[in-house]
Amino acid sequence: MASVWEQYKALPPRTRMYIGLGVMAFATAGLYISDAMEERLDPARRPVKESASSPSAQKASDSGISK
């Protein structure tokens, strides 16, 4: 039984090129998508909505601790 590398090397050069380009395109898309998702979904970057009526916001302001 041939190894994966031997099977890959047995493919025609044009097919190997297409496989390589496909992997690079997939990786590039993944980088851009993950950056966009991080900007949209990262809770550390979201502004904190504090209302003066919430007990935790009042407790933090009373003790001098900022959120």
PDB file of N, CA and C in Angstrom:
ATOM      1  N   MET A   1       0.846  -1.180   0.000  1.00  0.00           N
ATOM      2  CA  MET A   1       0.000   0.000   0.000  1.00  0.00           C
ATOM      3  C   MET A   1       0.892   1.243   0.000  1.00  0.00           C
ATOM      4  N   ALA A   2       0.601   2.162  -0.890  1.00  0.00           N
ATOM      5  CA  ALA A   2       1.422   3.364  -1.034  1.00  0.00           C
ATOM      6  C   ALA A   2       1.040   4.398   0.025  1.00  0.00           C
ATOM      7  N   SER A   3       2.035   5.161   0.439  1.00  0.00           N
ATOM      8  CA  SER A   3       1.771   6.198   1.427  1.00  0.00           C
ATOM      9  C   SER A   3       1.041   7.368   0.763  1.00  0.00           C
ATOM     10  N   VAL A   4       0.529   8.263   1.579  1.00  0.00           N
ATOM     11  CA  VAL A   4      -0.182   9.430   1.059  1.00  0.00           C
ATOM     12  C   VAL A   4       0.743  10.276   0.194  1.00  0.00           C
ATOM     13  N   TRP A   5       1.992  10.416   0.621  1.00  0.00           N
ATOM     14  CA  TRP A   5       2.949  11.213  -0.156  1.00  0.00           C
ATOM     15  C   TRP A   5       3.202  10.583  -1.524  1.00  0.00           C
ATOM     16  N   GLU A   6       3.339   9.263  -1.558  1.00  0.00           N
ATOM     17  CA  GLU A   6       3.563   8.584  -2.833  1.00  0.00           C
ATOM     18  C   GLU A   6       2.346   8.728  -3.753  1.00  0.00           C
ATOM     19  N   GLN A   7       1.156   8.653  -3.180  1.00  0.00           N
ATOM     20  CA  GLN A   7      -0.050   8.832  -3.981  1.00  0.00           C
ATOM     21  C   GLN A   7      -0.137  10.262  -4.506  1.00  0.00           C
ATOM     22  N   TYR A   8       0.237  11.214  -3.667  1.00  0.00           N
ATOM     23  CA  TYR A   8       0.228  12.616  -4.091  1.00  0.00           C
ATOM     24  C   TYR A   8       1.236  12.842  -5.216  1.00  0.00           C
ATOM     25  N   LYS A   9       2.428  12.300  -5.074  1.00  0.00           N
ATOM     26  CA  LYS A   9       3.472  12.460  -6.097  1.00  0.00           C
ATOM     27  C   LYS A   9       3.099  11.760  -7.406  1.00  0.00           C
ATOM     28  N   ALA A  10       2.216  10.772  -7.332  1.00  0.00           N
ATOM     29  CA  ALA A  10       1.802  10.059  -8.536  1.00  0.00           C
ATOM     30  C   ALA A  10       0.773  10.851  -9.346  1.00  0.00           C
ATOM     31  N   LEU A  11       0.184  11.891  -8.751  1.00  0.00           N
ATOM     32  CA  LEU A  11      -0.786  12.721  -9.470  1.00  0.00           C
ATOM     33  C   LEU A  11      -0.067  13.556 -10.528  1.00  0.00           C
ATOM     34  N   PRO A  12      -0.761  13.928 -11.572  1.00  0.00           N
ATOM     35  CA  PRO A  12      -0.148  14.806 -12.581  1.00  0.00           C
ATOM     36  C   PRO A  12       0.214  16.170 -11.974  1.00  0.00           C
ATOM     37  N   PRO A  13       1.252  16.809 -12.468  1.00  0.00           N
ATOM     38  CA  PRO A  13       1.682  18.093 -11.899  1.00  0.00           C
ATOM     39  C   PRO A  13       0.570  19.157 -11.868  1.00  0.00           C
ATOM     40  N   ARG A  14      -0.239  19.201 -12.899  1.00  0.00           N
ATOM     41  CA  ARG A  14      -1.311  20.199 -12.928  1.00  0.00           C
ATOM     42  C   ARG A  14      -2.316  19.944 -11.796  1.00  0.00           C
ATOM     43  N   THR A  15      -2.629  18.700 -11.528  1.00  0.00           N
ATOM     44  CA  THR A  15      -3.556  18.358 -10.447  1.00  0.00           C
ATOM     45  C   THR A  15      -2.959  18.739  -9.097  1.00  0.00           C
ATOM     46  N   ARG A  16      -1.663  18.468  -8.920  1.00  0.00           N
ATOM     47  CA  ARG A  16      -0.997  18.861  -7.674  1.00  0.00           C
ATOM     48  C   ARG A  16      -1.007  20.372  -7.498  1.00  0.00           C
ATOM     49  N   MET A  17      -0.837  21.102  -8.606  1.00  0.00           N
ATOM     50  CA  MET A  17      -0.876  22.560  -8.539  1.00  0.00           C
ATOM     51  C   MET A  17      -2.270  23.027  -8.104  1.00  0.00           C
ATOM     52  N   TYR A  18      -3.311  22.436  -8.682  1.00  0.00           N
ATOM     53  CA  TYR A  18      -4.673  22.821  -8.307  1.00  0.00           C
ATOM     54  C   TYR A  18      -4.964  22.499  -6.841  1.00  0.00           C
ATOM     55  N   ILE A  19      -4.469  21.388  -6.375  1.00  0.00           N
ATOM     56  CA  ILE A  19      -4.657  21.036  -4.967  1.00  0.00           C
ATOM     57  C   ILE A  19      -3.947  22.058  -4.074  1.00  0.00           C
ATOM     58  N   GLY A  20      -2.734  22.410  -4.425  1.00  0.00           N
ATOM     59  CA  GLY A  20      -1.989  23.407  -3.651  1.00  0.00           C
ATOM     60  C   GLY A  20      -2.666  24.762  -3.648  1.00  0.00           C
ATOM     61  N   LEU A  21      -3.137  25.200  -4.806  1.00  0.00           N
ATOM     62  CA  LEU A  21      -3.837  26.477  -4.886  1.00  0.00           C
ATOM     63  C   LEU A  21      -5.140  26.447  -4.080  1.00  0.00           C
ATOM     64  N   GLY A  22      -5.815  25.317  -4.115  1.00  0.00           N
ATOM     65  CA  GLY A  22      -7.052  25.177  -3.337  1.00  0.00           C
ATOM     66  C   GLY A  22      -6.792  25.253  -1.845  1.00  0.00           C
ATOM     67  N   VAL A  23      -5.724  24.621  -1.392  1.00  0.00           N
ATOM     68  CA  VAL A  23      -5.372  24.675   0.028  1.00  0.00           C
ATOM     69  C   VAL A  23      -4.998  26.101   0.430  1.00  0.00           C
ATOM     70  N   MET A  24      -4.250  26.792  -0.419  1.00  0.00           N
ATOM     71  CA  MET A  24      -3.878  28.176  -0.106  1.00  0.00           C
ATOM     72  C   MET A  24      -5.101  29.094  -0.088  1.00  0.00           C
ATOM     73  N   ALA A  25      -6.017  28.905  -1.022  1.00  0.00           N
ATOM     74  CA  ALA A  25      -7.242  29.721  -1.043  1.00  0.00           C
ATOM     75  C   ALA A  25      -8.089  29.455   0.192  1.00  0.00           C
ATOM     76  N   PHE A  26      -8.189  28.200   0.587  1.00  0.00           N
ATOM     77  CA  PHE A  26      -8.946  27.836   1.788  1.00  0.00           C
ATOM     78  C   PHE A  26      -8.318  28.460   3.033  1.00  0.00           C
ATOM     79  N   ALA A  27      -7.001  28.420   3.134  1.00  0.00           N
ATOM     80  CA  ALA A  27      -6.313  29.004   4.287  1.00  0.00           C
ATOM     81  C   ALA A  27      -6.476  30.514   4.322  1.00  0.00           C
ATOM     82  N   THR A  28      -6.367  31.157   3.164  1.00  0.00           N
ATOM     83  CA  THR A  28      -6.538  32.613   3.103  1.00  0.00           C
ATOM     84  C   THR A  28      -7.952  33.010   3.502  1.00  0.00           C
ATOM     85  N   ALA A  29      -8.935  32.299   2.996  1.00  0.00           N
ATOM     86  CA  ALA A  29     -10.325  32.589   3.367  1.00  0.00           C
ATOM     87  C   ALA A  29     -10.532  32.389   4.871  1.00  0.00           C
ATOM     88  N   GLY A  30      -9.929  31.348   5.422  1.00  0.00           N
ATOM     89  CA  GLY A  30     -10.044  31.103   6.859  1.00  0.00           C
ATOM     90  C   GLY A  30      -9.453  32.225   7.685  1.00  0.00           C
ATOM     91  N   LEU A  31      -8.333  32.774   7.250  1.00  0.00           N
ATOM     92  CA  LEU A  31      -7.729  33.900   7.976  1.00  0.00           C
ATOM     93  C   LEU A  31      -8.640  35.117   7.965  1.00  0.00           C
ATOM     94  N   TYR A  32      -9.174  35.449   6.800  1.00  0.00           N
ATOM     95  CA  TYR A  32     -10.049  36.617   6.702  1.00  0.00           C
ATOM     96  C   TYR A  32     -11.350  36.408   7.478  1.00  0.00           C
ATOM     97  N   ILE A  33     -11.917  35.227   7.380  1.00  0.00           N
ATOM     98  CA  ILE A  33     -13.172  34.952   8.086  1.00  0.00           C
ATOM     99  C   ILE A  33     -12.955  34.969   9.591  1.00  0.00           C
ATOM    100  N   SER A  34     -11.856  34.384  10.067  1.00  0.00           N
ATOM    101  CA  SER A  34     -11.614  34.366  11.514  1.00  0.00           C
ATOM    102  C   SER A  34     -11.363  35.769  12.058  1.00  0.00           C
ATOM    103  N   ASP A  35     -10.682  36.626  11.291  1.00  0.00           N
ATOM    104  CA  ASP A  35     -10.489  38.009  11.720  1.00  0.00           C
ATOM    105  C   ASP A  35     -11.821  38.748  11.793  1.00  0.00           C
ATOM    106  N   ALA A  36     -12.671  38.553  10.793  1.00  0.00           N
ATOM    107  CA  ALA A  36     -13.973  39.214  10.789  1.00  0.00           C
ATOM    108  C   ALA A  36     -14.841  38.717  11.944  1.00  0.00           C
ATOM    109  N   MET A  37     -14.804  37.420  12.216  1.00  0.00           N
ATOM    110  CA  MET A  37     -15.581  36.874  13.329  1.00  0.00           C
ATOM    111  C   MET A  37     -15.061  37.388  14.662  1.00  0.00           C
ATOM    112  N   GLU A  38     -13.754  37.499  14.789  1.00  0.00           N
ATOM    113  CA  GLU A  38     -13.175  37.991  16.034  1.00  0.00           C
ATOM    114  C   GLU A  38     -13.604  39.429  16.291  1.00  0.00           C
ATOM    115  N   GLU A  39     -13.627  40.259  15.241  1.00  0.00           N
ATOM    116  CA  GLU A  39     -14.053  41.644  15.414  1.00  0.00           C
ATOM    117  C   GLU A  39     -15.518  41.732  15.807  1.00  0.00           C
ATOM    118  N   ARG A  40     -16.339  40.872  15.261  1.00  0.00           N
ATOM    119  CA  ARG A  40     -17.776  40.926  15.531  1.00  0.00           C
ATOM    120  C   ARG A  40     -18.163  40.250  16.837  1.00  0.00           C
ATOM    121  N   LEU A  41     -17.460  39.199  17.222  1.00  0.00           N
ATOM    122  CA  LEU A  41     -17.902  38.377  18.348  1.00  0.00           C
ATOM    123  C   LEU A  41     -17.037  38.479  19.595  1.00  0.00           C
ATOM    124  N   ASP A  42     -15.937  39.208  19.558  1.00  0.00           N
ATOM    125  CA  ASP A  42     -15.033  39.282  20.707  1.00  0.00           C
ATOM    126  C   ASP A  42     -15.681  40.082  21.834  1.00  0.00           C
ATOM    127  N   PRO A  43     -15.995  39.442  22.952  1.00  0.00           N
ATOM    128  CA  PRO A  43     -16.654  40.163  24.041  1.00  0.00           C
ATOM    129  C   PRO A  43     -15.747  41.199  24.700  1.00  0.00           C
ATOM    130  N   ALA A  44     -14.450  41.063  24.602  1.00  0.00           N
ATOM    131  CA  ALA A  44     -13.546  42.030  25.222  1.00  0.00           C
ATOM    132  C   ALA A  44     -13.578  43.364  24.490  1.00  0.00           C
ATOM    133  N   ARG A  45     -13.934  43.375  23.218  1.00  0.00           N
ATOM    134  CA  ARG A  45     -13.969  44.610  22.436  1.00  0.00           C
ATOM    135  C   ARG A  45     -15.329  45.294  22.450  1.00  0.00           C
ATOM    136  N   ARG A  46     -16.349  44.587  22.940  1.00  0.00           N
ATOM    137  CA  ARG A  46     -17.683  45.170  22.960  1.00  0.00           C
ATOM    138  C   ARG A  46     -17.781  46.219  24.050  1.00  0.00           C
ATOM    139  N   PRO A  47     -18.432  47.324  23.765  1.00  0.00           N
ATOM    140  CA  PRO A  47     -18.617  48.332  24.817  1.00  0.00           C
ATOM    141  C   PRO A  47     -19.575  47.815  25.877  1.00  0.00           C
ATOM    142  N   VAL A  48     -19.253  48.088  27.124  1.00  0.00           N
ATOM    143  CA  VAL A  48     -20.083  47.641  28.230  1.00  0.00           C
ATOM    144  C   VAL A  48     -21.198  48.654  28.422  1.00  0.00           C
ATOM    145  N   LYS A  49     -22.427  48.159  28.380  1.00  0.00           N
ATOM    146  CA  LYS A  49     -23.576  49.036  28.586  1.00  0.00           C
ATOM    147  C   LYS A  49     -23.919  49.010  30.068  1.00  0.00           C
ATOM    148  N   GLU A  50     -23.587  50.068  30.761  1.00  0.00           N
ATOM    149  CA  GLU A  50     -23.882  50.152  32.182  1.00  0.00           C
ATOM    150  C   GLU A  50     -25.074  51.069  32.384  1.00  0.00           C
ATOM    151  N   SER A  51     -26.019  50.587  33.155  1.00  0.00           N
ATOM    152  CA  SER A  51     -27.134  51.455  33.501  1.00  0.00           C
ATOM    153  C   SER A  51     -27.005  51.810  34.978  1.00  0.00           C
ATOM    154  N   ALA A  52     -27.396  53.016  35.312  1.00  0.00           N
ATOM    155  CA  ALA A  52     -27.249  53.497  36.685  1.00  0.00           C
ATOM    156  C   ALA A  52     -28.181  52.766  37.636  1.00  0.00           C
ATOM    157  N   SER A  53     -29.212  52.123  37.086  1.00  0.00           N
ATOM    158  CA  SER A  53     -30.170  51.461  37.958  1.00  0.00           C
ATOM    159  C   SER A  53     -29.775  50.031  38.305  1.00  0.00           C
ATOM    160  N   SER A  54     -28.796  49.486  37.637  1.00  0.00           N
ATOM    161  CA  SER A  54     -28.415  48.114  37.933  1.00  0.00           C
ATOM    162  C   SER A  54     -27.604  48.066  39.229  1.00  0.00           C
ATOM    163  N   PRO A  55     -27.855  47.071  40.084  1.00  0.00           N
ATOM    164  CA  PRO A  55     -27.156  46.981  41.375  1.00  0.00           C
ATOM    165  C   PRO A  55     -25.654  46.795  41.227  1.00  0.00           C
ATOM    166  N   SER A  56     -25.229  46.038  40.229  1.00  0.00           N
ATOM    167  CA  SER A  56     -23.786  45.815  40.083  1.00  0.00           C
ATOM    168  C   SER A  56     -23.076  47.097  39.664  1.00  0.00           C
ATOM    169  N   ALA A  57     -23.723  47.906  38.812  1.00  0.00           N
ATOM    170  CA  ALA A  57     -23.114  49.164  38.396  1.00  0.00           C
ATOM    171  C   ALA A  57     -23.030  50.133  39.566  1.00  0.00           C
ATOM    172  N   GLN A  58     -24.069  50.146  40.423  1.00  0.00           N
ATOM    173  CA  GLN A  58     -24.039  51.042  41.574  1.00  0.00           C
ATOM    174  C   GLN A  58     -23.014  50.573  42.594  1.00  0.00           C
ATOM    175  N   LYS A  59     -22.923  49.272  42.804  1.00  0.00           N
ATOM    176  CA  LYS A  59     -21.947  48.732  43.760  1.00  0.00           C
ATOM    177  C   LYS A  59     -20.529  49.067  43.305  1.00  0.00           C
ATOM    178  N   ALA A  60     -20.257  48.939  42.005  1.00  0.00           N
ATOM    179  CA  ALA A  60     -18.931  49.241  41.481  1.00  0.00           C
ATOM    180  C   ALA A  60     -18.620  50.726  41.615  1.00  0.00           C
ATOM    181  N   SER A  61     -19.618  51.578  41.369  1.00  0.00           N
ATOM    182  CA  SER A  61     -19.360  53.011  41.473  1.00  0.00           C
ATOM    183  C   SER A  61     -19.208  53.450  42.927  1.00  0.00           C
ATOM    184  N   ASP A  62     -19.888  52.767  43.846  1.00  0.00           N
ATOM    185  CA  ASP A  62     -19.765  53.097  45.261  1.00  0.00           C
ATOM    186  C   ASP A  62     -18.398  52.731  45.818  1.00  0.00           C
ATOM    187  N   SER A  63     -17.841  51.626  45.331  1.00  0.00           N
ATOM    188  CA  SER A  63     -16.564  51.169  45.861  1.00  0.00           C
ATOM    189  C   SER A  63     -15.375  51.759  45.104  1.00  0.00           C
ATOM    190  N   GLY A  64     -15.611  52.512  44.031  1.00  0.00           N
ATOM    191  CA  GLY A  64     -14.532  53.123  43.269  1.00  0.00           C
ATOM    192  C   GLY A  64     -13.922  52.208  42.239  1.00  0.00           C
ATOM    193  N   ILE A  65     -14.528  51.045  42.002  1.00  0.00           N
ATOM    194  CA  ILE A  65     -14.038  50.092  41.014  1.00  0.00           C
ATOM    195  C   ILE A  65     -14.769  50.348  39.709  1.00  0.00           C
ATOM    196  N   SER A  66     -14.038  50.470  38.639  1.00  0.00           N
ATOM    197  CA  SER A  66     -14.686  50.671  37.341  1.00  0.00           C
ATOM    198  C   SER A  66     -14.718  49.355  36.596  1.00  0.00           C
ATOM    199  N   LYS A  67     -15.779  49.148  35.845  1.00  0.00           N
ATOM    200  CA  LYS A  67     -15.919  47.926  35.053  1.00  0.00           C
ATOM    201  C   LYS A  67     -15.169  48.044  33.774  1.00  0.00           C
TER     202      LYS A  67
END
